[in-house]
């Protein structure tokens, strides 16, 4: 039983920056993975970035060098720093928490448009 609260979505122009955060609460394990997925209209949900409890990270190739995932274990919070945003980054971004099962946030809209 984990609850995830996301914040930070919004409307930004191409080339702009946006920061997302996700706070986990409830039955938090000592070792867990957190990450971000996104889903655009008419498309499948896809991995954006994940980070392990030890700080190891993996990114979707198209966001490498532009997005940075980080976590604060003391706050049970994961962050996604996004820069040089492109229209194709437009999607609903979902926070994920994983221990022996997966939990999902409700999603936050990121729109990149002029």
C-alpha atoms as a PDB file:
ATOM      1  CA  UNK A   1       0.000   0.000   0.000  1.00  0.00           C
ATOM      2  CA  UNK A   2       1.938   2.911  -1.384  1.00  0.00           C
ATOM      3  CA  UNK A   3       0.531   6.250  -2.413  1.00  0.00           C
ATOM      4  CA  UNK A   4       2.245   8.463  -4.967  1.00  0.00           C
ATOM      5  CA  UNK A   5       1.632  12.172  -5.373  1.00  0.00           C
ATOM      6  CA  UNK A   6       3.037  13.836  -8.479  1.00  0.00           C
ATOM      7  CA  UNK A   7       3.545  17.498  -9.214  1.00  0.00           C
ATOM      8  CA  UNK A   8       5.311  19.806 -11.639  1.00  0.00           C
ATOM      9  CA  UNK A   9       3.582  19.263 -14.963  1.00  0.00           C
ATOM     10  CA  UNK A  10       2.576  22.114 -17.198  1.00  0.00           C
ATOM     11  CA  UNK A  11       2.854  23.871 -20.538  1.00  0.00           C
ATOM     12  CA  UNK A  12       6.295  24.845 -21.820  1.00  0.00           C
ATOM     13  CA  UNK A  13       7.668  26.019 -25.182  1.00  0.00           C
ATOM     14  CA  UNK A  14      10.066  23.861 -27.192  1.00  0.00           C
ATOM     15  CA  UNK A  15      13.541  24.079 -25.711  1.00  0.00           C
ATOM     16  CA  UNK A  16      12.164  24.868 -22.293  1.00  0.00           C
ATOM     17  CA  UNK A  17      12.630  23.094 -18.995  1.00  0.00           C
ATOM     18  CA  UNK A  18      10.348  21.516 -16.454  1.00  0.00           C
ATOM     19  CA  UNK A  19      10.874  19.616 -13.223  1.00  0.00           C
ATOM     20  CA  UNK A  20       8.632  16.848 -11.927  1.00  0.00           C
ATOM     21  CA  UNK A  21       8.507  15.377  -8.452  1.00  0.00           C
ATOM     22  CA  UNK A  22       6.811  12.364  -6.934  1.00  0.00           C
ATOM     23  CA  UNK A  23       6.418  11.748  -3.217  1.00  0.00           C
ATOM     24  CA  UNK A  24       5.795   8.205  -1.986  1.00  0.00           C
ATOM     25  CA  UNK A  25       4.054   7.452   1.279  1.00  0.00           C
ATOM     26  CA  UNK A  26       2.601   4.443   3.043  1.00  0.00           C
ATOM     27  CA  UNK A  27       4.288   1.066   3.401  1.00  0.00           C
ATOM     28  CA  UNK A  28       7.712   1.992   2.054  1.00  0.00           C
ATOM     29  CA  UNK A  29      10.378  -0.718   1.857  1.00  0.00           C
ATOM     30  CA  UNK A  30      14.070  -0.076   2.451  1.00  0.00           C
ATOM     31  CA  UNK A  31      14.988  -1.163  -1.061  1.00  0.00           C
ATOM     32  CA  UNK A  32      12.849   0.022  -3.929  1.00  0.00           C
ATOM     33  CA  UNK A  33      12.991   1.288  -7.473  1.00  0.00           C
ATOM     34  CA  UNK A  34      11.303   4.457  -8.649  1.00  0.00           C
ATOM     35  CA  UNK A  35      10.869   5.802 -12.112  1.00  0.00           C
ATOM     36  CA  UNK A  36       8.932   7.755 -14.661  1.00  0.00           C
ATOM     37  CA  UNK A  37       6.848   6.526 -17.571  1.00  0.00           C
ATOM     38  CA  UNK A  38       4.870   8.528 -20.078  1.00  0.00           C
ATOM     39  CA  UNK A  39       1.943   7.993 -22.376  1.00  0.00           C
ATOM     40  CA  UNK A  40       0.896  10.153 -25.290  1.00  0.00           C
ATOM     41  CA  UNK A  41      -2.615   9.983 -26.778  1.00  0.00           C
ATOM     42  CA  UNK A  42      -3.013   6.895 -28.934  1.00  0.00           C
ATOM     43  CA  UNK A  43       0.353   5.489 -27.907  1.00  0.00           C
ATOM     44  CA  UNK A  44       1.603   2.870 -25.476  1.00  0.00           C
ATOM     45  CA  UNK A  45       3.010   3.805 -22.110  1.00  0.00           C
ATOM     46  CA  UNK A  46       6.796   3.866 -22.283  1.00  0.00           C
ATOM     47  CA  UNK A  47       9.710   3.990 -19.887  1.00  0.00           C
ATOM     48  CA  UNK A  48      11.382   7.364 -19.506  1.00  0.00           C
ATOM     49  CA  UNK A  49      13.819   6.751 -16.660  1.00  0.00           C
ATOM     50  CA  UNK A  50      14.281   4.562 -13.598  1.00  0.00           C
ATOM     51  CA  UNK A  51      16.512   4.805 -10.553  1.00  0.00           C
ATOM     52  CA  UNK A  52      17.400   2.122  -8.018  1.00  0.00           C
ATOM     53  CA  UNK A  53      17.747   2.534  -4.276  1.00  0.00           C
ATOM     54  CA  UNK A  54      21.515   2.583  -4.807  1.00  0.00           C
ATOM     55  CA  UNK A  55      21.312   5.383  -7.352  1.00  0.00           C
ATOM     56  CA  UNK A  56      21.757   3.412 -10.549  1.00  0.00           C
ATOM     57  CA  UNK A  57      19.842   4.862 -13.492  1.00  0.00           C
ATOM     58  CA  UNK A  58      18.515   3.894 -16.901  1.00  0.00           C
ATOM     59  CA  UNK A  59      17.031   6.214 -19.514  1.00  0.00           C
ATOM     60  CA  UNK A  60      15.106   5.980 -22.722  1.00  0.00           C
ATOM     61  CA  UNK A  61      17.605   6.734 -25.483  1.00  0.00           C
ATOM     62  CA  UNK A  62      15.717   9.750 -26.793  1.00  0.00           C
ATOM     63  CA  UNK A  63      15.890  11.579 -23.450  1.00  0.00           C
ATOM     64  CA  UNK A  64      19.525  10.889 -22.585  1.00  0.00           C
ATOM     65  CA  UNK A  65      21.419  14.110 -22.071  1.00  0.00           C
ATOM     66  CA  UNK A  66      18.195  16.069 -21.636  1.00  0.00           C
ATOM     67  CA  UNK A  67      16.472  14.419 -18.669  1.00  0.00           C
ATOM     68  CA  UNK A  68      17.930  13.598 -15.269  1.00  0.00           C
ATOM     69  CA  UNK A  69      16.290  11.346 -12.710  1.00  0.00           C
ATOM     70  CA  UNK A  70      17.253  11.590  -9.054  1.00  0.00           C
ATOM     71  CA  UNK A  71      15.916  10.533  -5.682  1.00  0.00           C
ATOM     72  CA  UNK A  72      15.979  11.602  -2.070  1.00  0.00           C
ATOM     73  CA  UNK A  73      15.580   8.485   0.038  1.00  0.00           C
ATOM     74  CA  UNK A  74      15.055  10.452   3.232  1.00  0.00           C
ATOM     75  CA  UNK A  75      12.038  12.101   1.606  1.00  0.00           C
ATOM     76  CA  UNK A  76      10.931   9.049  -0.403  1.00  0.00           C
ATOM     77  CA  UNK A  77      10.801  11.338  -3.396  1.00  0.00           C
ATOM     78  CA  UNK A  78      11.882  10.938  -6.999  1.00  0.00           C
ATOM     79  CA  UNK A  79      12.526  13.843  -9.355  1.00  0.00           C
ATOM     80  CA  UNK A  80      12.731  14.250 -13.096  1.00  0.00           C
ATOM     81  CA  UNK A  81      14.578  17.278 -14.410  1.00  0.00           C
ATOM     82  CA  UNK A  82      13.707  17.883 -18.042  1.00  0.00           C
ATOM     83  CA  UNK A  83      15.475  20.309 -20.348  1.00  0.00           C
ATOM     84  CA  UNK A  84      15.539  21.046 -24.065  1.00  0.00           C
ATOM     85  CA  UNK A  85      11.990  19.792 -24.242  1.00  0.00           C
ATOM     86  CA  UNK A  86      10.596  18.779 -27.605  1.00  0.00           C
ATOM     87  CA  UNK A  87       7.012  18.498 -28.852  1.00  0.00           C
ATOM     88  CA  UNK A  88       7.394  14.717 -28.912  1.00  0.00           C
ATOM     89  CA  UNK A  89       7.920  14.817 -25.144  1.00  0.00           C
ATOM     90  CA  UNK A  90       4.275  15.816 -24.762  1.00  0.00           C
ATOM     91  CA  UNK A  91       2.523  13.149 -22.716  1.00  0.00           C
ATOM     92  CA  UNK A  92       1.059  12.300 -19.367  1.00  0.00           C
ATOM     93  CA  UNK A  93       3.956  11.417 -17.093  1.00  0.00           C
ATOM     94  CA  UNK A  94       3.403   8.714 -14.496  1.00  0.00           C
ATOM     95  CA  UNK A  95       5.488   8.094 -11.418  1.00  0.00           C
ATOM     96  CA  UNK A  96       6.213   4.458 -10.543  1.00  0.00           C
ATOM     97  CA  UNK A  97       7.265   2.811  -7.301  1.00  0.00           C
ATOM     98  CA  UNK A  98       8.446  -0.821  -7.305  1.00  0.00           C
ATOM     99  CA  UNK A  99       9.359  -3.206  -4.534  1.00  0.00           C
ATOM    100  CA  UNK A 100       7.695  -6.597  -5.028  1.00  0.00           C
ATOM    101  CA  UNK A 101       4.863  -4.996  -6.947  1.00  0.00           C
ATOM    102  CA  UNK A 102       4.268  -1.799  -8.884  1.00  0.00           C
ATOM    103  CA  UNK A 103       2.405   1.305  -7.800  1.00  0.00           C
ATOM    104  CA  UNK A 104       1.501   4.216 -10.036  1.00  0.00           C
ATOM    105  CA  UNK A 105       0.772   7.855  -9.585  1.00  0.00           C
ATOM    106  CA  UNK A 106      -2.244   9.446 -11.209  1.00  0.00           C
ATOM    107  CA  UNK A 107      -0.152  11.196 -13.838  1.00  0.00           C
ATOM    108  CA  UNK A 108       0.770  14.778 -14.594  1.00  0.00           C
ATOM    109  CA  UNK A 109       0.381  16.409 -17.997  1.00  0.00           C
ATOM    110  CA  UNK A 110       3.450  17.782 -19.755  1.00  0.00           C
ATOM    111  CA  UNK A 111       2.711  19.753 -22.904  1.00  0.00           C
ATOM    112  CA  UNK A 112       5.492  21.132 -25.099  1.00  0.00           C
ATOM    113  CA  UNK A 113       4.081  23.622 -27.568  1.00  0.00           C
ATOM    114  CA  UNK A 114       4.631  27.077 -29.000  1.00  0.00           C
END
